Amino acid sequence: MTPLLKRYLAEVKSESRHCINQQKDIITEADIAHLPAPVQEYFHVCRYVGREKKMCAHIEWKEMWIKMSPKQKWITLQGMQFNGVTAPSRIVYMRAKVAGFYALEARDKFQEGHGNMLIKLLRYFTMTDAKGPEMDVSALVTVLSESLLVPAYALQPYIKWTQVNDRAAAATLTHKGLTVNGVFHFNDKGEAIRFETDDRYQSGKHGSFKKLKWFATISEYIEKDGRLIPSTVSAAWQEGPEIFEYYKGKIDNIT
């Protein structure tokens, strides 16, 4: 086990303490009554009403790919992910093969009010250790983008909802002095299909950051344990008319 994987597991263990002795509440109609109509419909369509309000989740990725620039080829990743709800958190571990073996590792997280992207080469050499106010905001808005993957997020007082129209709802997440915003779009079936925000920073050379439009897209759902969960997802930056899709993946389960 590599040092970075050990760090990931330790951070997940630390966050998991918030889930111990949690009361096993059930999501009720009263819980979702304050949500905008399209979000309420999503809870019904995905069959979350009447199910346990899970405060921690492991997102099990079947496939993951990433591009570091528009001209590069897709890189295949393996990874694992933990999301915590009580105090909003998100911790992801990824690794990629170089020359036939797993030479690159990354840990991306929002935890205790701060974001951090840490990338290691050959276990011990730090390639990137991005942190600071821009990473804090970017990592928190990523949590917001996943608030319908782990639906207990959507019911927490730190997220405020407003209806945009019959097929869109805006959300604002406030935590530890940070506030981020985004809009969720839904199709005619009531499924969430897109999240977009202007509150995310793209990292550049020499520690620079640039705020760009960012969106995540869900193109497929699968049935697991009697509920529908997003399966095929992607993420992209938009600068003017140019769109750069840099991440795509398939979720096998959310437990």
C-alpha atoms as a PDB file:
ATOM      1  CA  MET A   1       0.000   0.000   0.000  1.00  0.00           C
ATOM      2  CA  THR A   2       1.427   3.371  -1.031  1.00  0.00           C
ATOM      3  CA  PRO A   3       1.759   6.340   1.351  1.00  0.00           C
ATOM      4  CA  LEU A   4      -0.885   8.306  -0.572  1.00  0.00           C
ATOM      5  CA  LEU A   5      -3.390   5.454  -0.430  1.00  0.00           C
ATOM      6  CA  LYS A   6      -2.742   5.169   3.317  1.00  0.00           C
ATOM      7  CA  ARG A   7      -3.432   8.906   3.627  1.00  0.00           C
ATOM      8  CA  TYR A   8      -6.689   8.550   1.699  1.00  0.00           C
ATOM      9  CA  LEU A   9      -7.853   5.684   3.914  1.00  0.00           C
ATOM     10  CA  ALA A  10      -6.928   7.624   7.075  1.00  0.00           C
ATOM     11  CA  GLU A  11      -8.856  10.681   5.877  1.00  0.00           C
ATOM     12  CA  VAL A  12     -11.890   8.545   5.047  1.00  0.00           C
ATOM     13  CA  LYS A  13     -11.693   6.921   8.490  1.00  0.00           C
ATOM     14  CA  SER A  14     -11.596  10.366  10.094  1.00  0.00           C
ATOM     15  CA  GLU A  15     -14.672  11.522   8.185  1.00  0.00           C
ATOM     16  CA  SER A  16     -16.506   8.253   8.812  1.00  0.00           C
ATOM     17  CA  ARG A  17     -16.649   9.042  12.521  1.00  0.00           C
ATOM     18  CA  HIS A  18     -19.467  11.473  11.691  1.00  0.00           C
ATOM     19  CA  CYS A  19     -21.555   8.515  10.529  1.00  0.00           C
ATOM     20  CA  ILE A  20     -21.173   6.430  13.677  1.00  0.00           C
ATOM     21  CA  ASN A  21     -24.310   6.350  15.842  1.00  0.00           C
ATOM     22  CA  GLN A  22     -26.262   8.378  13.311  1.00  0.00           C
ATOM     23  CA  GLN A  23     -29.984   7.896  13.741  1.00  0.00           C
ATOM     24  CA  LYS A  24     -31.297   5.826  10.842  1.00  0.00           C
ATOM     25  CA  ASP A  25     -33.873   8.315   9.573  1.00  0.00           C
ATOM     26  CA  ILE A  26     -36.052   7.605   6.565  1.00  0.00           C
ATOM     27  CA  ILE A  27     -36.535  10.176   3.788  1.00  0.00           C
ATOM     28  CA  THR A  28     -40.165  11.289   3.967  1.00  0.00           C
ATOM     29  CA  GLU A  29     -42.466  13.529   1.946  1.00  0.00           C
ATOM     30  CA  ALA A  30     -42.095  16.113   4.705  1.00  0.00           C
ATOM     31  CA  ASP A  31     -38.298  16.086   4.229  1.00  0.00           C
ATOM     32  CA  ILE A  32     -38.551  17.057   0.564  1.00  0.00           C
ATOM     33  CA  ALA A  33     -41.566  19.405   0.813  1.00  0.00           C
ATOM     34  CA  HIS A  34     -39.346  22.522   0.882  1.00  0.00           C
ATOM     35  CA  LEU A  35     -37.408  21.531  -2.253  1.00  0.00           C
ATOM     36  CA  PRO A  36     -38.177  23.004  -5.701  1.00  0.00           C
ATOM     37  CA  ALA A  37     -40.613  20.927  -7.744  1.00  0.00           C
ATOM     38  CA  PRO A  38     -37.992  19.416 -10.125  1.00  0.00           C
ATOM     39  CA  VAL A  39     -35.852  18.298  -7.177  1.00  0.00           C
ATOM     40  CA  GLN A  40     -38.865  16.740  -5.463  1.00  0.00           C
ATOM     41  CA  GLU A  41     -39.655  14.927  -8.710  1.00  0.00           C
ATOM     42  CA  TYR A  42     -36.061  13.649  -8.860  1.00  0.00           C
ATOM     43  CA  PHE A  43     -36.417  12.122  -5.376  1.00  0.00           C
ATOM     44  CA  HIS A  44     -39.560  10.317  -6.518  1.00  0.00           C
ATOM     45  CA  VAL A  45     -38.238   9.224  -9.921  1.00  0.00           C
ATOM     46  CA  CYS A  46     -35.050   7.807  -8.388  1.00  0.00           C
ATOM     47  CA  ARG A  47     -37.110   6.191  -5.580  1.00  0.00           C
ATOM     48  CA  TYR A  48     -35.366   7.779  -2.617  1.00  0.00           C
ATOM     49  CA  VAL A  49     -38.514   8.606  -0.633  1.00  0.00           C
ATOM     50  CA  GLY A  50     -39.063   5.906   1.981  1.00  0.00           C
ATOM     51  CA  ARG A  51     -35.397   4.908   1.993  1.00  0.00           C
ATOM     52  CA  GLU A  52     -32.774   5.475   4.660  1.00  0.00           C
ATOM     53  CA  LYS A  53     -31.155   8.890   4.766  1.00  0.00           C
ATOM     54  CA  LYS A  54     -27.526   7.850   4.192  1.00  0.00           C
ATOM     55  CA  MET A  55     -25.041  10.312   5.696  1.00  0.00           C
ATOM     56  CA  CYS A  56     -21.910   8.707   4.206  1.00  0.00           C
ATOM     57  CA  ALA A  57     -21.384   7.064   0.837  1.00  0.00           C
ATOM     58  CA  HIS A  58     -18.760   5.234  -1.172  1.00  0.00           C
ATOM     59  CA  ILE A  59     -19.032   5.923  -4.905  1.00  0.00           C
ATOM     60  CA  GLU A  60     -17.773   2.833  -6.717  1.00  0.00           C
ATOM     61  CA  TRP A  61     -16.260   3.726 -10.094  1.00  0.00           C
ATOM     62  CA  LYS A  62     -16.222   1.043 -12.765  1.00  0.00           C
ATOM     63  CA  GLU A  63     -14.281   3.138 -15.278  1.00  0.00           C
ATOM     64  CA  MET A  64     -12.557   6.548 -15.166  1.00  0.00           C
ATOM     65  CA  TRP A  65     -10.675   8.588 -17.770  1.00  0.00           C
ATOM     66  CA  ILE A  66      -8.975  11.981 -17.667  1.00  0.00           C
ATOM     67  CA  LYS A  67      -7.338  14.401 -20.108  1.00  0.00           C
ATOM     68  CA  MET A  68      -4.757  16.909 -18.959  1.00  0.00           C
ATOM     69  CA  SER A  69      -5.236  19.131 -22.039  1.00  0.00           C
ATOM     70  CA  PRO A  70      -7.516  19.172 -25.095  1.00  0.00           C
ATOM     71  CA  LYS A  71      -4.778  17.760 -27.359  1.00  0.00           C
ATOM     72  CA  GLN A  72      -3.780  14.895 -25.077  1.00  0.00           C
ATOM     73  CA  LYS A  73      -5.175  11.379 -25.242  1.00  0.00           C
ATOM     74  CA  TRP A  74      -7.469   9.976 -22.586  1.00  0.00           C
ATOM     75  CA  ILE A  75      -5.672   8.419 -19.603  1.00  0.00           C
ATOM     76  CA  THR A  76      -7.339   5.442 -17.899  1.00  0.00           C
ATOM     77  CA  LEU A  77      -7.694   5.708 -14.125  1.00  0.00           C
ATOM     78  CA  GLN A  78      -8.618   3.470 -11.238  1.00  0.00           C
ATOM     79  CA  GLY A  79     -10.143   5.139  -8.242  1.00  0.00           C
ATOM     80  CA  MET A  80     -12.325   5.175  -5.160  1.00  0.00           C
ATOM     81  CA  GLN A  81     -14.389   7.922  -3.563  1.00  0.00           C
ATOM     82  CA  PHE A  82     -15.965   8.778  -0.213  1.00  0.00           C
ATOM     83  CA  ASN A  83     -18.582  11.469   0.438  1.00  0.00           C
ATOM     84  CA  GLY A  84     -19.681  12.662   3.882  1.00  0.00           C
ATOM     85  CA  VAL A  85     -22.876  14.601   4.501  1.00  0.00           C
ATOM     86  CA  THR A  86     -22.965  15.705   8.171  1.00  0.00           C
ATOM     87  CA  ALA A  87     -20.017  18.004   7.534  1.00  0.00           C
ATOM     88  CA  PRO A  88     -19.810  18.225   3.725  1.00  0.00           C
ATOM     89  CA  SER A  89     -16.743  16.314   2.567  1.00  0.00           C
ATOM     90  CA  ARG A  90     -15.484  14.539  -0.524  1.00  0.00           C
ATOM     91  CA  ILE A  91     -12.282  12.483  -0.778  1.00  0.00           C
ATOM     92  CA  VAL A  92     -11.117  10.752  -3.972  1.00  0.00           C
ATOM     93  CA  TYR A  93      -8.126   8.517  -4.643  1.00  0.00           C
ATOM     94  CA  MET A  94      -6.976   7.828  -8.220  1.00  0.00           C
ATOM     95  CA  ARG A  95      -4.061   6.107  -9.886  1.00  0.00           C
ATOM     96  CA  ALA A  96      -2.875   5.824 -13.482  1.00  0.00           C
ATOM     97  CA  LYS A  97      -0.461   3.566 -15.318  1.00  0.00           C
ATOM     98  CA  VAL A  98       2.658   4.978 -16.950  1.00  0.00           C
ATOM     99  CA  ALA A  99       4.827   2.597 -19.014  1.00  0.00           C
ATOM    100  CA  GLY A 100       2.748  -0.340 -17.831  1.00  0.00           C
ATOM    101  CA  PHE A 101       2.738   0.212 -14.077  1.00  0.00           C
ATOM    102  CA  TYR A 102       0.932   2.516 -11.633  1.00  0.00           C
ATOM    103  CA  ALA A 103       3.378   5.401 -11.443  1.00  0.00           C
ATOM    104  CA  LEU A 104       0.949   8.285 -10.886  1.00  0.00           C
ATOM    105  CA  GLU A 105      -1.374   8.742  -7.908  1.00  0.00           C
ATOM    106  CA  ALA A 106      -3.696  11.568  -6.923  1.00  0.00           C
ATOM    107  CA  ARG A 107      -5.844  12.438  -3.937  1.00  0.00           C
ATOM    108  CA  ASP A 108      -8.473  15.133  -4.438  1.00  0.00           C
ATOM    109  CA  LYS A 109     -10.516  16.291  -1.444  1.00  0.00           C
ATOM    110  CA  PHE A 110     -12.694  18.767   0.387  1.00  0.00           C
ATOM    111  CA  GLN A 111     -12.404  18.204   4.117  1.00  0.00           C
ATOM    112  CA  GLU A 112     -12.817  20.445   7.173  1.00  0.00           C
ATOM    113  CA  GLY A 113     -13.468  23.471   4.984  1.00  0.00           C
ATOM    114  CA  HIS A 114     -10.436  23.113   2.697  1.00  0.00           C
ATOM    115  CA  GLY A 115      -9.707  21.678  -0.737  1.00  0.00           C
ATOM    116  CA  ASN A 116      -6.489  20.001  -1.836  1.00  0.00           C
ATOM    117  CA  MET A 117      -5.268  18.195  -4.938  1.00  0.00           C
ATOM    118  CA  LEU A 118      -2.162  16.138  -4.265  1.00  0.00           C
ATOM    119  CA  ILE A 119      -0.425  14.262  -7.116  1.00  0.00           C
ATOM    120  CA  LYS A 120       2.510  11.915  -6.582  1.00  0.00           C
ATOM    121  CA  LEU A 121       4.933  10.309  -9.047  1.00  0.00           C
ATOM    122  CA  LEU A 122       6.519   6.974  -8.156  1.00  0.00           C
ATOM    123  CA  ARG A 123       4.961   7.089  -4.681  1.00  0.00           C
ATOM    124  CA  TYR A 124       7.169   9.767  -3.165  1.00  0.00           C
ATOM    125  CA  PHE A 125       7.750  12.622  -5.630  1.00  0.00           C
ATOM    126  CA  THR A 126       5.205  15.441  -5.330  1.00  0.00           C
ATOM    127  CA  MET A 127       4.129  16.791  -8.720  1.00  0.00           C
ATOM    128  CA  THR A 128       1.203  18.931  -7.484  1.00  0.00           C
ATOM    129  CA  ASP A 129       0.031  20.039  -4.072  1.00  0.00           C
ATOM    130  CA  ALA A 130      -2.652  22.592  -4.914  1.00  0.00           C
ATOM    131  CA  LYS A 131      -4.326  24.364  -2.005  1.00  0.00           C
ATOM    132  CA  GLY A 132      -5.578  27.794  -1.020  1.00  0.00           C
ATOM    133  CA  PRO A 133      -8.786  29.847  -1.351  1.00  0.00           C
ATOM    134  CA  GLU A 134      -9.377  28.903  -5.002  1.00  0.00           C
ATOM    135  CA  MET A 135      -9.043  25.192  -4.221  1.00  0.00           C
ATOM    136  CA  ASP A 136     -11.362  25.546  -1.219  1.00  0.00           C
ATOM    137  CA  VAL A 137     -14.116  27.062  -3.367  1.00  0.00           C
ATOM    138  CA  SER A 138     -13.561  24.680  -6.294  1.00  0.00           C
ATOM    139  CA  ALA A 139     -13.604  21.587  -4.089  1.00  0.00           C
ATOM    140  CA  LEU A 140     -16.757  22.729  -2.280  1.00  0.00           C
ATOM    141  CA  VAL A 141     -18.637  23.408  -5.517  1.00  0.00           C
ATOM    142  CA  THR A 142     -17.692  19.887  -6.613  1.00  0.00           C
ATOM    143  CA  VAL A 143     -19.424  18.627  -3.462  1.00  0.00           C
ATOM    144  CA  LEU A 144     -22.467  20.663  -4.459  1.00  0.00           C
ATOM    145  CA  SER A 145     -22.414  19.139  -7.941  1.00  0.00           C
ATOM    146  CA  GLU A 146     -22.714  15.675  -6.337  1.00  0.00           C
ATOM    147  CA  SER A 147     -25.512  16.591  -3.943  1.00  0.00           C
ATOM    148  CA  LEU A 148     -28.004  14.517  -5.950  1.00  0.00           C
ATOM    149  CA  LEU A 149     -25.642  11.528  -6.181  1.00  0.00           C
ATOM    150  CA  VAL A 150     -25.830  11.333  -2.380  1.00  0.00           C
ATOM    151  CA  PRO A 151     -29.345  12.741  -1.867  1.00  0.00           C
ATOM    152  CA  ALA A 152     -29.060  13.368   1.878  1.00  0.00           C
ATOM    153  CA  TYR A 153     -26.888  16.372   0.912  1.00  0.00           C
ATOM    154  CA  ALA A 154     -29.912  18.023  -0.700  1.00  0.00           C
ATOM    155  CA  LEU A 155     -31.821  17.900   2.593  1.00  0.00           C
ATOM    156  CA  GLN A 156     -29.169  19.585   4.736  1.00  0.00           C
ATOM    157  CA  PRO A 157     -29.619  23.146   6.054  1.00  0.00           C
ATOM    158  CA  TYR A 158     -26.301  24.225   4.526  1.00  0.00           C
ATOM    159  CA  ILE A 159     -27.865  23.959   1.032  1.00  0.00           C
ATOM    160  CA  LYS A 160     -30.561  26.458   0.048  1.00  0.00           C
ATOM    161  CA  TRP A 161     -32.709  25.786  -3.026  1.00  0.00           C
ATOM    162  CA  THR A 162     -34.712  27.998  -5.397  1.00  0.00           C
ATOM    163  CA  GLN A 163     -36.689  26.981  -8.441  1.00  0.00           C
ATOM    164  CA  VAL A 164     -35.524  28.416 -11.765  1.00  0.00           C
ATOM    165  CA  ASN A 165     -38.236  26.843 -13.930  1.00  0.00           C
ATOM    166  CA  ASP A 166     -40.044  23.515 -14.339  1.00  0.00           C
ATOM    167  CA  ARG A 167     -36.795  21.790 -15.340  1.00  0.00           C
ATOM    168  CA  ALA A 168     -34.127  23.631 -13.359  1.00  0.00           C
ATOM    169  CA  ALA A 169     -33.276  24.479  -9.746  1.00  0.00           C
ATOM    170  CA  ALA A 170     -30.526  26.654  -8.281  1.00  0.00           C
ATOM    171  CA  ALA A 171     -28.618  25.628  -5.155  1.00  0.00           C
ATOM    172  CA  THR A 172     -26.356  27.550  -2.776  1.00  0.00           C
ATOM    173  CA  LEU A 173     -24.046  25.708  -0.385  1.00  0.00           C
ATOM    174  CA  THR A 174     -22.540  27.592   2.570  1.00  0.00           C
ATOM    175  CA  HIS A 175     -19.955  26.006   4.861  1.00  0.00           C
ATOM    176  CA  LYS A 176     -17.185  27.404   7.066  1.00  0.00           C
ATOM    177  CA  GLY A 177     -17.397  30.889   5.549  1.00  0.00           C
ATOM    178  CA  LEU A 178     -17.453  29.648   1.948  1.00  0.00           C
ATOM    179  CA  THR A 179     -20.457  30.007  -0.377  1.00  0.00           C
ATOM    180  CA  VAL A 180     -20.813  28.388  -3.798  1.00  0.00           C
ATOM    181  CA  ASN A 181     -23.664  28.304  -6.293  1.00  0.00           C
ATOM    182  CA  GLY A 182     -24.848  26.141  -9.160  1.00  0.00           C
ATOM    183  CA  VAL A 183     -27.864  25.179 -11.250  1.00  0.00           C
ATOM    184  CA  PHE A 184     -29.215  21.661 -11.776  1.00  0.00           C
ATOM    185  CA  HIS A 185     -31.092  20.834 -14.985  1.00  0.00           C
ATOM    186  CA  PHE A 186     -33.555  17.956 -15.356  1.00  0.00           C
ATOM    187  CA  ASN A 187     -35.055  16.129 -18.341  1.00  0.00           C
ATOM    188  CA  ASP A 188     -38.714  15.315 -19.000  1.00  0.00           C
ATOM    189  CA  LYS A 189     -38.337  12.057 -17.055  1.00  0.00           C
ATOM    190  CA  GLY A 190     -37.350  14.006 -13.937  1.00  0.00           C
ATOM    191  CA  GLU A 191     -33.727  12.835 -14.045  1.00  0.00           C
ATOM    192  CA  ALA A 192     -30.912  15.277 -13.269  1.00  0.00           C
ATOM    193  CA  ILE A 193     -28.837  15.613 -16.427  1.00  0.00           C
ATOM    194  CA  ARG A 194     -26.562  18.622 -15.918  1.00  0.00           C
ATOM    195  CA  PHE A 195     -25.002  20.809 -13.218  1.00  0.00           C
ATOM    196  CA  GLU A 196     -23.344  24.086 -14.101  1.00  0.00           C
ATOM    197  CA  THR A 197     -21.515  26.747 -12.108  1.00  0.00           C
ATOM    198  CA  ASP A 198     -19.356  29.834 -12.460  1.00  0.00           C
ATOM    199  CA  ASP A 199     -17.724  29.238  -9.062  1.00  0.00           C
ATOM    200  CA  ARG A 200     -14.933  26.843 -10.046  1.00  0.00           C
ATOM    201  CA  TYR A 201     -11.278  27.623 -10.802  1.00  0.00           C
ATOM    202  CA  GLN A 202      -9.143  25.859 -13.389  1.00  0.00           C
ATOM    203  CA  SER A 203      -5.567  25.413 -12.181  1.00  0.00           C
ATOM    204  CA  GLY A 204      -2.758  26.506 -14.474  1.00  0.00           C
ATOM    205  CA  LYS A 205       1.006  26.678 -14.545  1.00  0.00           C
ATOM    206  CA  HIS A 206       3.068  27.907 -11.594  1.00  0.00           C
ATOM    207  CA  GLY A 207       0.143  27.757  -9.163  1.00  0.00           C
ATOM    208  CA  SER A 208      -2.117  30.089 -11.148  1.00  0.00           C
ATOM    209  CA  PHE A 209      -5.915  29.822 -11.205  1.00  0.00           C
ATOM    210  CA  LYS A 210      -8.549  30.993 -13.666  1.00  0.00           C
ATOM    211  CA  LYS A 211     -12.283  31.041 -12.941  1.00  0.00           C
ATOM    212  CA  LEU A 212     -14.222  29.411 -15.789  1.00  0.00           C
ATOM    213  CA  LYS A 213     -17.686  28.026 -16.408  1.00  0.00           C
ATOM    214  CA  TRP A 214     -17.752  24.379 -15.345  1.00  0.00           C
ATOM    215  CA  PHE A 215     -20.392  21.737 -15.837  1.00  0.00           C
ATOM    216  CA  ALA A 216     -21.007  18.086 -15.091  1.00  0.00           C
ATOM    217  CA  THR A 217     -23.273  15.954 -17.274  1.00  0.00           C
ATOM    218  CA  ILE A 218     -25.159  12.738 -16.511  1.00  0.00           C
ATOM    219  CA  SER A 219     -26.010  10.769 -19.652  1.00  0.00           C
ATOM    220  CA  GLU A 220     -27.186   7.443 -18.222  1.00  0.00           C
ATOM    221  CA  TYR A 221     -28.872   6.006 -15.120  1.00  0.00           C
ATOM    222  CA  ILE A 222     -28.839   2.426 -13.843  1.00  0.00           C
ATOM    223  CA  GLU A 223     -30.996   0.590 -11.332  1.00  0.00           C
ATOM    224  CA  LYS A 224     -29.358  -0.581  -8.108  1.00  0.00           C
ATOM    225  CA  ASP A 225     -31.203  -2.031  -5.120  1.00  0.00           C
ATOM    226  CA  GLY A 226     -34.532  -0.711  -6.371  1.00  0.00           C
ATOM    227  CA  ARG A 227     -33.352   2.862  -6.922  1.00  0.00           C
ATOM    228  CA  LEU A 228     -32.009   4.753  -9.930  1.00  0.00           C
ATOM    229  CA  ILE A 229     -28.487   6.138  -9.687  1.00  0.00           C
ATOM    230  CA  PRO A 230     -26.464   8.227 -12.146  1.00  0.00           C
ATOM    231  CA  SER A 231     -24.047   6.006 -14.050  1.00  0.00           C
ATOM    232  CA  THR A 232     -22.345   7.665 -17.016  1.00  0.00           C
ATOM    233  CA  VAL A 233     -20.975  11.091 -16.086  1.00  0.00           C
ATOM    234  CA  SER A 234     -18.542  13.660 -17.457  1.00  0.00           C
ATOM    235  CA  ALA A 235     -17.068  17.032 -16.527  1.00  0.00           C
ATOM    236  CA  ALA A 236     -15.963  19.918 -18.737  1.00  0.00           C
ATOM    237  CA  TRP A 237     -14.669  23.481 -18.743  1.00  0.00           C
ATOM    238  CA  GLN A 238     -16.071  26.180 -20.989  1.00  0.00           C
ATOM    239  CA  GLU A 239     -14.105  29.259 -22.033  1.00  0.00           C
ATOM    240  CA  GLY A 240     -16.048  31.373 -24.494  1.00  0.00           C
ATOM    241  CA  PRO A 241     -17.422  29.014 -27.155  1.00  0.00           C
ATOM    242  CA  GLU A 242     -14.737  26.373 -26.473  1.00  0.00           C
ATOM    243  CA  ILE A 243     -15.675  23.321 -24.385  1.00  0.00           C
ATOM    244  CA  PHE A 244     -12.992  21.023 -22.974  1.00  0.00           C
ATOM    245  CA  GLU A 245     -14.317  17.720 -21.614  1.00  0.00           C
ATOM    246  CA  TYR A 246     -11.523  16.530 -19.354  1.00  0.00           C
ATOM    247  CA  TYR A 247     -13.143  13.795 -17.268  1.00  0.00           C
ATOM    248  CA  LYS A 248     -15.568  10.950 -17.895  1.00  0.00           C
ATOM    249  CA  GLY A 249     -16.475   7.873 -15.928  1.00  0.00           C
ATOM    250  CA  LYS A 250     -18.969   5.140 -15.161  1.00  0.00           C
ATOM    251  CA  ILE A 251     -20.354   4.631 -11.670  1.00  0.00           C
ATOM    252  CA  ASP A 252     -21.049   0.991 -10.796  1.00  0.00           C
ATOM    253  CA  ASN A 253     -22.768   1.608  -7.460  1.00  0.00           C
ATOM    254  CA  ILE A 254     -23.251   4.078  -4.610  1.00  0.00           C
ATOM    255  CA  THR A 255     -23.204   2.364  -1.216  1.00  0.00           C
END
